[in-house]
Amino acid sequence: MNAIGRCDAAARERHRALDFIGLRAHATTVGLIQLCEELLNSGVLSPEGLERIKGAIRTELTVSSNARISNHAAFDDTLRRRIDAIFPSAPGEPPLEHVGTLEDFEDAMDPYHGA
């Protein structure tokens, strides 16, 4: 098994574990965003570390949505912009807070949505 396969298998296993223990709550997400902002502002977390955290989140969301995605490139781009919008980008900078509409996200998952 290559490194990519191991990564995908680990992401799928983590996804199943998160589903099992129910860590898909808004409060948990808000807490994570605030924690990242605090760690960035204190210098404990580097911008590169934050990018790795956001990458792990993107991987998890891709694993959980994979069967429904028809246009992976559009989905990945939309997902990246949305995650970037809710997380701080640098020490002292607040999140952008503009993530677009649900319809934009559905279109990114399925360009034939609503057609």
C-alpha atoms as a PDB file:
ATOM      1  CA  MET A   1       0.000   0.000   0.000  1.00  0.00           C
ATOM      2  CA  ASN A   2       1.444   3.390  -0.939  1.00  0.00           C
ATOM      3  CA  ALA A   3       1.529   6.531   1.245  1.00  0.00           C
ATOM      4  CA  ILE A   4      -1.585   7.974  -0.395  1.00  0.00           C
ATOM      5  CA  GLY A   5      -3.553   4.787   0.228  1.00  0.00           C
ATOM      6  CA  ARG A   6      -2.452   4.740   3.881  1.00  0.00           C
ATOM      7  CA  CYS A   7      -3.478   8.388   4.227  1.00  0.00           C
ATOM      8  CA  ASP A   8      -6.895   7.721   2.709  1.00  0.00           C
ATOM      9  CA  ALA A   9      -7.371   4.669   4.916  1.00  0.00           C
ATOM     10  CA  ALA A  10      -6.397   6.676   7.987  1.00  0.00           C
ATOM     11  CA  ALA A  11      -8.775   9.487   6.973  1.00  0.00           C
ATOM     12  CA  ARG A  12     -11.628   7.013   6.482  1.00  0.00           C
ATOM     13  CA  GLU A  13     -10.952   5.402   9.861  1.00  0.00           C
ATOM     14  CA  ARG A  14     -10.826   8.813  11.567  1.00  0.00           C
ATOM     15  CA  HIS A  15     -14.115   9.714   9.833  1.00  0.00           C
ATOM     16  CA  ARG A  16     -15.804   6.581  11.171  1.00  0.00           C
ATOM     17  CA  ALA A  17     -14.494   7.319  14.662  1.00  0.00           C
ATOM     18  CA  LEU A  18     -15.748  10.920  14.549  1.00  0.00           C
ATOM     19  CA  ASP A  19     -19.169   9.746  13.396  1.00  0.00           C
ATOM     20  CA  PHE A  20     -19.253   7.146  16.138  1.00  0.00           C
ATOM     21  CA  ILE A  21     -18.480   9.577  18.966  1.00  0.00           C
ATOM     22  CA  GLY A  22     -20.583  12.399  17.481  1.00  0.00           C
ATOM     23  CA  LEU A  23     -18.010  15.188  17.162  1.00  0.00           C
ATOM     24  CA  ARG A  24     -19.832  16.937  14.331  1.00  0.00           C
ATOM     25  CA  ALA A  25     -21.299  19.768  16.373  1.00  0.00           C
ATOM     26  CA  HIS A  26     -21.229  23.472  15.666  1.00  0.00           C
ATOM     27  CA  ALA A  27     -19.987  24.149  19.186  1.00  0.00           C
ATOM     28  CA  THR A  28     -16.974  21.919  18.584  1.00  0.00           C
ATOM     29  CA  THR A  29     -16.178  23.721  15.329  1.00  0.00           C
ATOM     30  CA  VAL A  30     -16.499  27.154  16.915  1.00  0.00           C
ATOM     31  CA  GLY A  31     -14.247  26.013  19.755  1.00  0.00           C
ATOM     32  CA  LEU A  32     -11.635  24.747  17.292  1.00  0.00           C
ATOM     33  CA  ILE A  33     -11.694  28.023  15.347  1.00  0.00           C
ATOM     34  CA  GLN A  34     -11.304  30.035  18.562  1.00  0.00           C
ATOM     35  CA  LEU A  35      -8.516  27.740  19.764  1.00  0.00           C
ATOM     36  CA  CYS A  36      -6.657  28.185  16.471  1.00  0.00           C
ATOM     37  CA  GLU A  37      -7.031  31.968  16.704  1.00  0.00           C
ATOM     38  CA  GLU A  38      -5.742  31.996  20.294  1.00  0.00           C
ATOM     39  CA  LEU A  39      -2.798  29.748  19.432  1.00  0.00           C
ATOM     40  CA  LEU A  40      -1.934  31.854  16.370  1.00  0.00           C
ATOM     41  CA  ASN A  41      -2.085  35.069  18.375  1.00  0.00           C
ATOM     42  CA  SER A  42       0.117  33.647  21.131  1.00  0.00           C
ATOM     43  CA  GLY A  43       2.678  32.359  18.632  1.00  0.00           C
ATOM     44  CA  VAL A  44       2.196  28.720  19.642  1.00  0.00           C
ATOM     45  CA  LEU A  45       0.648  27.816  16.279  1.00  0.00           C
ATOM     46  CA  SER A  46       2.357  28.851  13.055  1.00  0.00           C
ATOM     47  CA  PRO A  47       0.426  29.783   9.909  1.00  0.00           C
ATOM     48  CA  GLU A  48       1.857  26.586   8.370  1.00  0.00           C
ATOM     49  CA  GLY A  49       0.462  24.562  11.270  1.00  0.00           C
ATOM     50  CA  LEU A  50      -2.934  26.167  10.738  1.00  0.00           C
ATOM     51  CA  GLU A  51      -2.778  25.190   7.057  1.00  0.00           C
ATOM     52  CA  ARG A  52      -2.123  21.576   8.104  1.00  0.00           C
ATOM     53  CA  ILE A  53      -5.149  21.701  10.433  1.00  0.00           C
ATOM     54  CA  LYS A  54      -7.342  23.098   7.662  1.00  0.00           C
ATOM     55  CA  GLY A  55      -5.963  20.436   5.309  1.00  0.00           C
ATOM     56  CA  ALA A  56      -6.991  17.712   7.754  1.00  0.00           C
ATOM     57  CA  ILE A  57     -10.488  19.209   7.909  1.00  0.00           C
ATOM     58  CA  ARG A  58     -10.699  19.346   4.095  1.00  0.00           C
ATOM     59  CA  THR A  59      -9.609  15.701   3.903  1.00  0.00           C
ATOM     60  CA  GLU A  60     -12.285  14.694   6.404  1.00  0.00           C
ATOM     61  CA  LEU A  61     -15.006  16.601   4.563  1.00  0.00           C
ATOM     62  CA  THR A  62     -13.907  15.105   1.252  1.00  0.00           C
ATOM     63  CA  VAL A  63     -13.987  11.583   2.721  1.00  0.00           C
ATOM     64  CA  SER A  64     -17.471  12.162   4.137  1.00  0.00           C
ATOM     65  CA  SER A  65     -18.799  13.699   0.883  1.00  0.00           C
ATOM     66  CA  ASN A  66     -16.899  11.647  -1.692  1.00  0.00           C
ATOM     67  CA  ALA A  67     -19.868   9.651  -2.990  1.00  0.00           C
ATOM     68  CA  ARG A  68     -21.916  12.814  -3.632  1.00  0.00           C
ATOM     69  CA  ILE A  69     -19.224  14.855  -5.384  1.00  0.00           C
ATOM     70  CA  SER A  70     -19.435  14.994  -9.154  1.00  0.00           C
ATOM     71  CA  ASN A  71     -16.912  17.784  -9.781  1.00  0.00           C
ATOM     72  CA  HIS A  72     -13.968  17.266  -7.418  1.00  0.00           C
ATOM     73  CA  ALA A  73     -11.988  20.306  -8.603  1.00  0.00           C
ATOM     74  CA  ALA A  74     -14.879  22.717  -8.037  1.00  0.00           C
ATOM     75  CA  PHE A  75     -15.710  21.074  -4.716  1.00  0.00           C
ATOM     76  CA  ASP A  76     -12.089  21.288  -3.506  1.00  0.00           C
ATOM     77  CA  ASP A  77     -11.805  24.943  -4.524  1.00  0.00           C
ATOM     78  CA  THR A  78     -15.109  25.888  -2.871  1.00  0.00           C
ATOM     79  CA  LEU A  79     -14.284  23.919   0.262  1.00  0.00           C
ATOM     80  CA  ARG A  80     -10.841  25.529   0.552  1.00  0.00           C
ATOM     81  CA  ARG A  81     -12.311  29.044   0.224  1.00  0.00           C
ATOM     82  CA  ARG A  82     -15.015  28.311   2.789  1.00  0.00           C
ATOM     83  CA  ILE A  83     -12.612  26.883   5.341  1.00  0.00           C
ATOM     84  CA  ASP A  84     -10.219  29.790   4.774  1.00  0.00           C
ATOM     85  CA  ALA A  85     -13.128  32.181   5.367  1.00  0.00           C
ATOM     86  CA  ILE A  86     -13.965  30.867   8.833  1.00  0.00           C
ATOM     87  CA  PHE A  87     -10.432  30.413  10.192  1.00  0.00           C
ATOM     88  CA  PRO A  88      -8.070  33.269  11.040  1.00  0.00           C
ATOM     89  CA  SER A  89      -5.423  33.755   8.365  1.00  0.00           C
ATOM     90  CA  ALA A  90      -2.606  35.238  10.430  1.00  0.00           C
ATOM     91  CA  PRO A  91      -1.892  36.244  14.022  1.00  0.00           C
ATOM     92  CA  GLY A  92      -4.189  39.083  15.037  1.00  0.00           C
ATOM     93  CA  GLU A  93      -6.429  38.785  11.964  1.00  0.00           C
ATOM     94  CA  PRO A  94     -10.024  37.643  12.544  1.00  0.00           C
ATOM     95  CA  PRO A  95     -11.787  35.162  10.248  1.00  0.00           C
ATOM     96  CA  LEU A  96     -13.391  36.589   7.117  1.00  0.00           C
ATOM     97  CA  GLU A  97     -16.787  35.036   8.009  1.00  0.00           C
ATOM     98  CA  HIS A  98     -18.141  35.085   4.427  1.00  0.00           C
ATOM     99  CA  VAL A  99     -18.646  31.553   3.178  1.00  0.00           C
ATOM    100  CA  GLY A 100     -21.275  31.971   0.468  1.00  0.00           C
ATOM    101  CA  THR A 101     -24.671  30.373   0.137  1.00  0.00           C
ATOM    102  CA  LEU A 102     -25.742  26.773   0.545  1.00  0.00           C
ATOM    103  CA  GLU A 103     -26.703  26.760  -3.137  1.00  0.00           C
ATOM    104  CA  ASP A 104     -23.116  27.716  -4.115  1.00  0.00           C
ATOM    105  CA  PHE A 105     -21.840  24.750  -2.109  1.00  0.00           C
ATOM    106  CA  GLU A 106     -24.421  22.360  -3.588  1.00  0.00           C
ATOM    107  CA  ASP A 107     -23.435  23.554  -7.067  1.00  0.00           C
ATOM    108  CA  ALA A 108     -19.803  22.817  -6.277  1.00  0.00           C
ATOM    109  CA  MET A 109     -20.758  19.281  -5.261  1.00  0.00           C
ATOM    110  CA  ASP A 110     -23.035  18.761  -8.246  1.00  0.00           C
ATOM    111  CA  PRO A 111     -22.907  21.229 -11.145  1.00  0.00           C
ATOM    112  CA  TYR A 112     -26.235  19.824 -12.417  1.00  0.00           C
ATOM    113  CA  HIS A 113     -27.984  20.747  -9.129  1.00  0.00           C
ATOM    114  CA  GLY A 114     -31.010  22.827  -9.890  1.00  0.00           C
ATOM    115  CA  ALA A 115     -30.656  22.314 -13.671  1.00  0.00           C
END
